[in-house]
Amino acid sequence: MALEHDLDSALALAVRAVGSQSAFGRLISRAQSTVNGWLKSGVKLPAEYVLRVEEETGISRYDLRPDLYPRESSEHADASVHLEPTR
């Protein structure tokens, strides 16, 4: 069984979503060995890949990189969009 099946990180979930480390590497134009190294060391997905991975896998940017995309920021942004004007 591949390493990503033993982990519950957002990166591991994204790798599982595309099927394998090799497929994930192809998605972001990186080698399978790079993906494997990230998984082994617990490195977060590099920022430049987050939006593409979110688009292709459905794994949220907020889960992939909460340090860059904190949930409370998105909730506040969403709340401000839905506010009705006061009279």
Protein backbone atom coordinates (compact mmCIF):
# COMPACT_ATOMS: atom_id res chain seq x y z
CA MET A 1 0.00 0.00 0.00
CA ALA A 2 1.27 3.47 -0.88
CA LEU A 3 2.30 5.98 1.76
CA GLU A 4 -0.65 8.31 1.08
CA HIS A 5 -3.05 5.61 2.25
CA ASP A 6 -1.49 5.68 5.72
CA LEU A 7 -1.74 9.46 6.14
CA ASP A 8 -4.67 11.78 6.72
CA SER A 9 -3.10 15.06 5.61
CA ALA A 10 -4.82 17.16 2.96
CA LEU A 11 -1.91 16.41 0.63
CA ALA A 12 -2.42 12.67 1.10
CA LEU A 13 -6.14 13.09 0.44
CA ALA A 14 -5.37 14.98 -2.77
CA VAL A 15 -2.95 12.28 -3.90
CA ARG A 16 -5.59 9.62 -3.23
CA ALA A 17 -8.15 11.69 -5.13
CA VAL A 18 -6.10 11.54 -8.33
CA GLY A 19 -5.16 7.90 -7.82
CA SER A 20 -1.42 7.77 -7.17
CA GLN A 21 1.71 9.75 -6.42
CA SER A 22 2.67 9.47 -10.08
CA ALA A 23 -0.67 10.86 -11.25
CA PHE A 24 -0.43 13.66 -8.71
CA GLY A 25 3.08 14.45 -9.89
CA ARG A 26 1.84 14.66 -13.48
CA LEU A 27 -0.96 16.98 -12.37
CA ILE A 28 1.52 19.49 -10.96
CA SER A 29 4.45 18.69 -13.29
CA ARG A 30 6.65 17.28 -10.55
CA ALA A 31 8.31 13.88 -10.16
CA GLN A 32 6.64 11.11 -8.17
CA SER A 33 9.72 11.06 -5.95
CA THR A 34 9.12 14.72 -5.05
CA VAL A 35 5.53 13.95 -4.05
CA ASN A 36 6.71 10.96 -2.03
CA GLY A 37 9.28 13.14 -0.26
CA TRP A 38 6.62 15.70 0.66
CA LEU A 39 4.41 12.98 2.07
CA LYS A 40 7.24 11.35 4.06
CA SER A 41 8.45 14.61 5.54
CA GLY A 42 5.02 16.10 6.19
CA VAL A 43 5.73 19.12 3.98
CA LYS A 44 2.69 21.13 2.99
CA LEU A 45 1.83 21.44 -0.67
CA PRO A 46 3.82 24.37 -2.12
CA ALA A 47 1.66 27.45 -2.57
CA GLU A 48 1.99 27.58 -6.34
CA TYR A 49 0.09 24.28 -6.69
CA VAL A 50 -2.76 24.84 -4.23
CA LEU A 51 -5.37 26.35 -6.54
CA ARG A 52 -4.78 23.83 -9.33
CA VAL A 53 -4.95 20.92 -6.90
CA GLU A 54 -8.15 22.32 -5.39
CA GLU A 55 -9.67 22.65 -8.87
CA GLU A 56 -8.69 19.15 -9.97
CA THR A 57 -9.34 17.21 -6.76
CA GLY A 58 -11.98 19.14 -4.86
CA ILE A 59 -9.73 19.23 -1.78
CA SER A 60 -10.19 22.72 -0.38
CA ARG A 61 -7.41 25.31 -0.40
CA TYR A 62 -8.35 25.89 3.24
CA ASP A 63 -7.41 22.29 4.02
CA LEU A 64 -4.37 22.15 1.73
CA ARG A 65 -2.78 25.32 3.11
CA PRO A 66 -4.60 26.73 6.14
CA ASP A 67 -1.59 28.96 6.80
CA LEU A 68 -2.24 30.75 3.49
CA TYR A 69 -6.03 30.38 3.29
CA PRO A 70 -7.44 30.54 6.83
CA ARG A 71 -11.10 29.60 7.10
CA GLU A 72 -12.08 32.60 9.20
CA SER A 73 -10.94 34.93 6.43
CA SER A 74 -13.19 33.16 3.92
CA GLU A 75 -16.13 33.14 6.32
CA HIS A 76 -15.80 36.88 6.94
CA ALA A 77 -15.48 37.53 3.23
CA ASP A 78 -18.54 35.41 2.47
CA ALA A 79 -20.55 37.10 5.24
CA SER A 80 -19.77 40.57 3.93
CA VAL A 81 -20.94 39.63 0.45
CA HIS A 82 -24.35 38.53 1.75
CA LEU A 83 -25.08 41.54 3.95
CA GLU A 84 -28.14 43.54 3.02
CA PRO A 85 -27.76 47.32 2.83
CA THR A 86 -29.13 49.18 5.84
CA ARG A 87 -31.74 51.89 5.47
